[in-house]
N, C-alpha and C. Protein backbone atom coordinates (compact mmCIF):
# COMPACT_ATOMS: atom_id res chain seq x y z
N MET A 1 21.64 214.85 -184.13
CA MET A 1 21.82 216.41 -183.44
C MET A 1 22.68 217.24 -183.65
N HIS A 2 23.24 216.74 -184.36
CA HIS A 2 24.81 217.71 -185.13
C HIS A 2 24.26 218.60 -185.96
N THR A 3 23.49 217.95 -187.02
CA THR A 3 22.83 218.69 -187.79
C THR A 3 22.15 220.05 -187.35
N ILE A 4 21.35 219.59 -186.79
CA ILE A 4 20.26 220.98 -185.95
C ILE A 4 21.08 221.66 -185.49
N GLN A 5 22.25 221.42 -184.60
CA GLN A 5 23.07 222.37 -184.17
C GLN A 5 23.54 223.37 -184.99
N TYR A 6 23.86 222.57 -186.05
CA TYR A 6 24.77 223.13 -186.72
C TYR A 6 23.70 224.21 -187.80
N LEU A 7 22.89 224.23 -188.24
CA LEU A 7 21.47 224.43 -188.64
C LEU A 7 21.16 226.23 -188.34
N ILE A 8 20.99 225.38 -186.65
CA ILE A 8 21.14 226.62 -185.53
C ILE A 8 21.80 228.18 -185.89
N VAL A 9 23.47 227.23 -185.75
CA VAL A 9 24.41 228.41 -185.74
C VAL A 9 24.71 229.22 -186.90
N SER A 10 24.21 228.33 -188.07
CA SER A 10 24.41 228.99 -189.70
C SER A 10 23.25 230.09 -189.75
N ILE A 11 21.87 229.68 -189.40
CA ILE A 11 20.84 230.79 -189.34
C ILE A 11 21.40 232.07 -188.43
N VAL A 12 21.93 231.74 -187.28
CA VAL A 12 22.22 232.87 -186.40
C VAL A 12 23.30 233.58 -187.02
N ASP A 13 24.29 232.76 -187.69
CA ASP A 13 25.37 233.79 -188.28
C ASP A 13 25.17 234.53 -189.07
N VAL A 14 24.33 234.02 -190.14
CA VAL A 14 23.58 234.70 -191.09
C VAL A 14 22.76 235.74 -190.84
N TYR A 15 22.22 235.99 -190.02
CA TYR A 15 21.20 237.09 -189.47
C TYR A 15 21.91 238.25 -188.73
N SER A 16 23.26 237.26 -187.97
CA SER A 16 23.98 238.49 -187.15
C SER A 16 24.72 239.47 -188.30
N PHE A 17 24.87 238.73 -189.42
CA PHE A 17 25.40 238.88 -190.81
C PHE A 17 24.65 240.55 -191.55
N ILE A 18 23.38 240.05 -191.77
CA ILE A 18 22.22 240.75 -192.02
C ILE A 18 22.14 241.84 -191.47
N LEU A 19 22.40 241.55 -190.00
CA LEU A 19 21.85 242.55 -188.86
C LEU A 19 23.36 243.78 -189.01
N PHE A 20 24.44 243.04 -188.76
CA PHE A 20 26.02 244.16 -189.14
C PHE A 20 25.80 245.07 -190.45
N VAL A 21 24.86 244.33 -191.56
CA VAL A 21 24.93 245.09 -192.74
C VAL A 21 24.04 246.25 -192.69
N TYR A 22 22.86 245.96 -192.01
CA TYR A 22 21.97 247.04 -192.09
C TYR A 22 22.58 248.44 -190.94
N ILE A 23 23.21 247.68 -189.94
CA ILE A 23 23.64 248.56 -188.92
C ILE A 23 24.89 249.64 -189.59
N ILE A 24 25.36 248.90 -190.33
CA ILE A 24 26.73 249.80 -191.35
C ILE A 24 26.10 250.95 -191.79
N MET A 25 24.88 250.19 -192.64
CA MET A 25 23.90 251.09 -193.93
C MET A 25 23.37 251.99 -193.27
N SER A 26 22.87 251.89 -192.13
CA SER A 26 22.06 253.13 -191.61
C SER A 26 23.25 254.28 -191.45
N TRP A 27 24.43 253.88 -191.29
CA TRP A 27 25.54 255.22 -191.57
C TRP A 27 25.75 256.10 -192.66
N ILE A 28 24.97 255.42 -194.14
CA ILE A 28 24.82 256.53 -195.15
C ILE A 28 24.00 257.50 -195.30
N PRO A 29 24.04 258.52 -194.96
CA PRO A 29 22.75 259.70 -194.54
C PRO A 29 21.85 259.77 -195.93
N MET A 30 22.24 259.42 -197.37
CA MET A 30 21.61 259.93 -198.64
C MET A 30 21.30 258.77 -199.32
N LYS A 31 20.45 257.60 -199.61
CA LYS A 31 20.21 256.51 -200.04
C LYS A 31 19.21 256.83 -200.98
N SER A 32 19.69 255.98 -202.33
CA SER A 32 18.81 256.34 -203.63
C SER A 32 19.46 254.62 -204.31
N GLY A 33 17.52 254.53 -205.03
CA GLY A 33 18.21 253.52 -206.10
C GLY A 33 18.41 252.10 -206.20
N PHE A 34 19.36 251.18 -205.85
CA PHE A 34 19.18 250.12 -205.56
C PHE A 34 19.73 250.19 -203.87
N ILE A 35 20.49 250.84 -203.54
CA ILE A 35 21.02 251.19 -201.98
C ILE A 35 19.79 251.45 -201.25
N ALA A 36 18.95 251.90 -201.42
CA ALA A 36 17.73 252.36 -200.56
C ALA A 36 16.40 250.95 -200.58
N ASP A 37 16.71 250.52 -201.55
CA ASP A 37 16.01 248.92 -202.00
C ASP A 37 16.38 248.31 -201.34
N VAL A 38 17.93 247.47 -200.82
CA VAL A 38 18.48 246.80 -200.12
C VAL A 38 18.24 247.15 -198.79
N ASP A 39 18.28 248.60 -198.22
CA ASP A 39 17.91 248.96 -197.28
C ASP A 39 16.34 248.82 -196.46
N ALA A 40 15.83 249.31 -197.41
CA ALA A 40 14.67 248.92 -197.18
C ALA A 40 14.02 247.16 -196.74
N ALA A 41 14.53 246.32 -197.59
CA ALA A 41 14.89 245.19 -197.45
C ALA A 41 15.26 244.39 -196.52
N LEU A 42 16.44 244.98 -196.30
CA LEU A 42 17.18 244.58 -194.95
C LEU A 42 16.26 245.46 -193.59
N GLY A 43 15.73 246.29 -193.86
CA GLY A 43 14.62 247.21 -192.31
C GLY A 43 14.05 246.03 -192.36
N ARG A 44 12.70 245.66 -193.33
CA ARG A 44 12.19 244.71 -192.91
C ARG A 44 12.11 243.63 -192.08
N ILE A 45 13.52 242.70 -192.59
CA ILE A 45 13.93 241.78 -191.57
C ILE A 45 14.53 242.32 -190.39
N CYS A 46 15.09 243.65 -189.92
CA CYS A 46 15.98 243.96 -188.91
C CYS A 46 15.25 244.58 -187.99
N ASP A 47 14.15 245.78 -188.36
CA ASP A 47 13.69 246.15 -187.86
C ASP A 47 12.66 245.63 -186.44
N PRO A 48 11.86 244.58 -187.00
CA PRO A 48 11.26 244.46 -185.49
C PRO A 48 12.52 243.42 -184.49
N TYR A 49 13.03 243.00 -184.89
CA TYR A 49 14.01 242.33 -183.90
C TYR A 49 14.89 243.75 -182.98
N LEU A 50 15.17 244.54 -183.83
CA LEU A 50 16.14 245.49 -183.30
C LEU A 50 14.72 246.63 -182.51
N GLY A 51 13.90 246.40 -183.06
CA GLY A 51 12.53 247.40 -182.21
C GLY A 51 12.60 247.09 -180.75
N ILE A 52 12.57 245.53 -180.41
CA ILE A 52 12.25 245.30 -179.26
C ILE A 52 13.85 245.65 -178.45
N PHE A 53 14.82 245.69 -178.65
CA PHE A 53 16.02 246.81 -177.70
C PHE A 53 15.86 248.04 -177.86
N ARG A 54 15.60 248.55 -178.51
CA ARG A 54 15.15 249.99 -178.96
C ARG A 54 14.02 250.81 -178.02
N ARG A 55 13.11 249.49 -177.54
CA ARG A 55 12.28 250.13 -176.74
C ARG A 55 12.51 250.18 -175.09
N VAL A 56 13.60 249.09 -174.92
CA VAL A 56 14.47 249.04 -174.05
C VAL A 56 15.80 249.81 -173.11
N ILE A 57 16.31 250.26 -174.50
CA ILE A 57 17.52 251.18 -174.42
C ILE A 57 17.32 252.36 -175.35
N PRO A 58 16.82 253.13 -175.08
CA PRO A 58 16.82 254.68 -176.37
C PRO A 58 18.13 254.88 -176.53
N PRO A 59 17.82 255.67 -177.64
CA PRO A 59 19.54 256.09 -178.42
C PRO A 59 20.30 257.13 -177.06
N ILE A 60 21.47 257.27 -176.80
CA ILE A 60 21.92 258.10 -176.56
C ILE A 60 22.35 259.28 -177.34
N GLY A 61 21.83 260.79 -177.00
CA GLY A 61 22.37 261.48 -178.00
C GLY A 61 22.00 260.94 -179.17
N MET A 62 23.18 260.97 -180.46
CA MET A 62 23.07 260.23 -181.57
C MET A 62 23.50 259.14 -181.97
N VAL A 63 23.80 258.30 -180.93
CA VAL A 63 23.82 257.10 -181.04
C VAL A 63 22.93 256.11 -180.56
N ASP A 64 22.95 255.15 -180.97
CA ASP A 64 21.61 253.90 -180.82
C ASP A 64 22.37 252.62 -180.54
N VAL A 65 22.91 252.23 -179.12
CA VAL A 65 23.54 251.15 -178.69
C VAL A 65 22.50 250.29 -178.43
N SER A 66 21.53 250.05 -179.01
CA SER A 66 20.41 249.05 -178.73
C SER A 66 21.21 247.95 -179.20
N PRO A 67 21.51 247.83 -180.60
CA PRO A 67 21.96 246.83 -181.45
C PRO A 67 23.09 245.91 -181.05
N ILE A 68 23.87 246.58 -180.24
CA ILE A 68 24.73 246.01 -179.02
C ILE A 68 23.94 244.52 -178.27
N LEU A 69 23.58 245.18 -177.94
CA LEU A 69 22.60 244.34 -177.09
C LEU A 69 21.50 243.32 -177.72
N ALA A 70 21.23 243.54 -178.91
CA ALA A 70 20.43 242.34 -179.71
C ALA A 70 21.26 241.68 -180.43
N PHE A 71 22.69 242.16 -180.69
CA PHE A 71 23.95 240.98 -180.87
C PHE A 71 23.96 240.04 -179.47
N VAL A 72 24.38 240.55 -178.55
CA VAL A 72 24.61 239.94 -177.31
C VAL A 72 23.45 238.70 -177.16
N VAL A 73 22.27 239.26 -177.12
CA VAL A 73 21.71 238.55 -176.90
C VAL A 73 20.93 237.47 -177.90
N LEU A 74 20.96 237.74 -178.85
CA LEU A 74 21.23 236.96 -180.30
C LEU A 74 22.03 235.64 -179.91
N GLN A 75 23.17 236.04 -179.53
CA GLN A 75 24.29 234.70 -179.45
C GLN A 75 24.10 234.33 -178.53
N LEU A 76 23.65 234.87 -177.35
CA LEU A 76 23.54 233.95 -176.09
C LEU A 76 22.67 232.88 -176.03
N VAL A 77 21.32 233.39 -176.64
CA VAL A 77 20.10 232.47 -176.95
C VAL A 77 20.37 231.79 -177.89
N ALA A 78 21.23 231.75 -178.88
CA ALA A 78 21.99 230.93 -179.52
C ALA A 78 22.75 229.78 -179.02
N ARG A 79 23.29 230.26 -178.64
CA ARG A 79 24.61 229.21 -177.68
C ARG A 79 23.90 228.11 -176.47
N LEU A 80 22.93 228.88 -175.97
CA LEU A 80 22.14 228.62 -175.00
C LEU A 80 21.25 226.96 -175.77
N VAL A 81 20.71 227.40 -176.73
CA VAL A 81 19.87 226.46 -177.36
C VAL A 81 20.54 225.41 -178.09
N VAL A 82 21.90 225.51 -178.23
CA VAL A 82 22.89 224.64 -178.50
C VAL A 82 22.94 223.81 -177.86
N ALA A 83 23.32 224.56 -176.85
CA ALA A 83 23.92 223.68 -175.48
C ALA A 83 22.91 222.73 -174.98
N ILE A 84 21.73 222.96 -174.96
CA ILE A 84 20.23 222.54 -174.56
C ILE A 84 20.54 221.19 -175.53
N LEU A 85 20.38 221.28 -176.76
CA LEU A 85 20.05 220.24 -177.86
C LEU A 85 21.53 219.29 -177.50
């Protein structure tokens, strides 16, 4: 059982890191070349998940706070699943 728990925690940690990098990259206004390719790839991975929260919490002015809720929900669900196992 510990292997499954470790795998779940590892996957959630990696996805959280990818989300973090994608969010930080969204602050870069002009992207070109390799950075644009990385941003597009991360967008394909992160936007479906973040889109769920963007529909619930619209941006406040120029600030999108939905990633905060996305991180919290991701961590809570992972901990709940690990606790159940």
